[in-house]
Amino acid sequence: MAVRTVIFDWGGTLTPWHTIDHEALWHGVCVQHYPQAEAADVARAIYQAELAVWQDIDDRQQSATLAHVFERAGVTVPEALLGSYFQAWEPHTFTDPDVPGLLRELRRKGIRIGSALQHPVAQVDARRVFRPGPGARPDRRHRVLQ
């Protein structure tokens, strides 16, 4: 049986694995957008909500967005916060240097590729990495599996 499709996980497969202190990451983001005293509380609320949302994902097998996290945290975030959040993730989401060549070779062999993504930052990066190759038919565009 020939391989027709390969679905990759993102973290640790297409990008090097990093252990991340999510609470510290949220704090670093929030201090850019809230007064110092408020930033710690907002970051903690978002972090706790994120943990709860991930637990819901595990329990119910249904996806969620950052909007769900913020709603659960009971916070309204400034629009610029999302940019800071994505920027904070940048050092952790770069594509492994071997990936582009691997994906080109799979495409050359006619093997379809996809990615199972579990994080919104990876989803943004996937749209860049998984652009349809030259000559791709419009009905064969890459779909990010969520």
Protein backbone atom coordinates (compact mmCIF):
# COMPACT_ATOMS: atom_id res chain seq x y z
CA MET A 1 0.00 0.00 0.00
CA ALA A 2 1.45 3.36 -1.03
CA VAL A 3 1.49 6.38 1.24
CA ARG A 4 -1.00 8.97 -0.09
CA THR A 5 -1.04 11.51 2.74
CA VAL A 6 1.21 12.47 5.65
CA ILE A 7 -0.23 14.42 8.58
CA PHE A 8 2.36 16.04 10.81
CA ASP A 9 2.07 17.22 14.36
CA TRP A 10 3.53 20.71 14.68
CA GLY A 11 5.43 21.14 17.95
CA GLY A 12 8.51 18.97 18.13
CA THR A 13 7.98 17.60 14.62
CA LEU A 14 7.96 20.51 12.19
CA THR A 15 9.36 22.90 14.78
CA PRO A 16 11.90 22.09 17.47
CA TRP A 17 10.30 21.26 20.83
CA HIS A 18 10.51 23.96 23.50
CA THR A 19 9.35 23.75 27.08
CA ILE A 20 7.46 26.97 27.73
CA ASP A 21 6.31 28.58 30.97
CA HIS A 22 2.88 29.66 29.72
CA GLU A 23 2.09 31.74 32.79
CA ALA A 24 5.34 33.69 32.38
CA LEU A 25 4.64 34.09 28.66
CA TRP A 26 1.19 35.56 29.39
CA HIS A 27 2.69 37.86 32.02
CA GLY A 28 5.28 39.11 29.56
CA VAL A 29 2.52 39.85 27.06
CA CYS A 30 0.16 41.48 29.55
CA VAL A 31 2.74 43.88 31.03
CA GLN A 32 2.93 45.49 27.60
CA HIS A 33 -0.80 46.33 27.63
CA TYR A 34 -1.95 46.75 31.24
CA PRO A 35 -0.70 48.71 34.26
CA GLN A 36 1.88 46.67 36.21
CA ALA A 37 -0.46 45.83 39.12
CA GLU A 38 -3.27 44.77 36.80
CA ALA A 39 -1.03 42.85 34.36
CA ALA A 40 -0.21 40.08 36.83
CA ASP A 41 -3.89 39.46 37.63
CA VAL A 42 -4.93 39.51 33.97
CA ALA A 43 -2.08 37.17 33.00
CA ARG A 44 -2.99 34.77 35.80
CA ALA A 45 -6.67 34.80 34.80
CA ILE A 46 -5.82 34.13 31.15
CA TYR A 47 -3.38 31.37 32.08
CA GLN A 48 -5.94 29.67 34.36
CA ALA A 49 -8.59 30.00 31.65
CA GLU A 50 -6.20 28.53 29.09
CA LEU A 51 -5.63 25.50 31.33
CA ALA A 52 -9.38 25.07 31.74
CA VAL A 53 -9.97 25.36 28.00
CA TRP A 54 -7.27 22.75 27.30
CA GLN A 55 -8.95 20.46 29.84
CA ASP A 56 -12.27 20.96 28.05
CA ILE A 57 -10.56 20.11 24.76
CA ASP A 58 -9.24 16.88 26.27
CA ASP A 59 -12.59 15.99 27.85
CA ARG A 60 -14.91 16.96 25.01
CA GLN A 61 -12.68 16.63 21.94
CA GLN A 62 -13.79 20.02 20.63
CA SER A 63 -11.65 22.94 19.54
CA ALA A 64 -11.41 26.40 21.05
CA THR A 65 -9.92 29.76 20.14
CA LEU A 66 -8.15 32.50 22.02
CA ALA A 67 -11.50 34.30 22.14
CA HIS A 68 -12.81 31.36 24.20
CA VAL A 69 -9.84 31.67 26.55
CA PHE A 70 -10.35 35.41 27.03
CA GLU A 71 -14.08 34.96 27.56
CA ARG A 72 -13.48 32.26 30.15
CA ALA A 73 -10.92 34.50 31.86
CA GLY A 74 -13.47 37.30 31.97
CA VAL A 75 -11.11 39.77 30.33
CA THR A 76 -11.41 42.07 27.36
CA VAL A 77 -8.04 42.36 25.70
CA PRO A 78 -6.81 45.22 23.56
CA GLU A 79 -6.42 44.26 19.92
CA ALA A 80 -2.68 44.93 20.07
CA LEU A 81 -2.32 42.21 22.71
CA LEU A 82 -2.75 39.51 20.06
CA GLY A 83 0.20 40.88 18.12
CA SER A 84 2.32 40.80 21.27
CA TYR A 85 1.15 37.26 21.99
CA PHE A 86 2.08 36.00 18.54
CA GLN A 87 5.41 37.81 18.76
CA ALA A 88 6.11 36.14 22.13
CA TRP A 89 5.64 32.77 20.46
CA GLU A 90 7.91 33.52 17.49
CA PRO A 91 11.09 32.03 18.99
CA HIS A 92 9.17 28.81 19.64
CA THR A 93 7.47 28.34 16.27
CA PHE A 94 10.22 28.59 13.70
CA THR A 95 10.19 25.79 11.17
CA ASP A 96 12.95 23.21 11.40
CA PRO A 97 15.39 23.86 8.55
CA ASP A 98 14.88 20.34 7.13
CA VAL A 99 11.10 20.78 6.78
CA PRO A 100 10.86 22.79 3.53
CA GLY A 101 12.96 20.23 1.63
CA LEU A 102 10.98 17.35 3.11
CA LEU A 103 7.66 18.94 2.17
CA ARG A 104 8.88 19.71 -1.36
CA GLU A 105 9.96 16.09 -1.79
CA LEU A 106 6.62 14.76 -0.55
CA ARG A 107 4.79 17.10 -2.93
CA ARG A 108 7.08 16.07 -5.79
CA LYS A 109 6.08 12.44 -5.14
CA GLY A 110 2.40 13.42 -5.17
CA ILE A 111 1.96 12.78 -1.46
CA ARG A 112 -0.51 15.12 0.19
CA ILE A 113 0.54 16.79 3.41
CA GLY A 114 -1.30 18.24 6.37
CA SER A 115 -0.81 19.19 9.97
CA ALA A 116 -2.75 18.51 13.14
CA LEU A 117 -2.47 21.82 14.96
CA GLN A 118 -3.32 22.46 18.55
CA HIS A 119 -2.24 26.04 18.98
CA PRO A 120 -3.31 29.25 17.23
CA VAL A 121 0.26 30.41 16.71
CA ALA A 122 1.10 27.19 14.89
CA GLN A 123 -2.01 27.63 12.77
CA VAL A 124 -0.78 31.03 11.59
CA ASP A 125 2.67 29.60 10.83
CA ALA A 126 1.14 26.60 9.03
CA ARG A 127 -0.57 28.83 6.51
CA ARG A 128 2.90 30.02 5.49
CA VAL A 129 4.58 26.60 5.44
CA PHE A 130 1.72 24.66 3.84
CA ARG A 131 1.01 27.00 0.93
CA PRO A 132 -0.15 25.01 -2.07
CA GLY A 133 2.75 24.07 -4.31
CA PRO A 134 3.20 25.21 -7.90
CA GLY A 135 0.50 23.83 -10.16
CA ALA A 136 -1.85 22.98 -7.28
CA ARG A 137 -5.45 22.84 -8.38
CA PRO A 138 -7.79 25.27 -6.60
CA ASP A 139 -9.87 22.37 -5.28
CA ARG A 140 -6.75 20.77 -3.81
CA ARG A 141 -5.68 23.62 -1.54
CA HIS A 142 -4.19 22.77 1.82
CA ARG A 143 -6.65 22.63 4.65
CA VAL A 144 -5.39 23.06 8.20
CA LEU A 145 -6.88 20.21 10.24
CA GLN A 146 -8.14 21.48 13.55
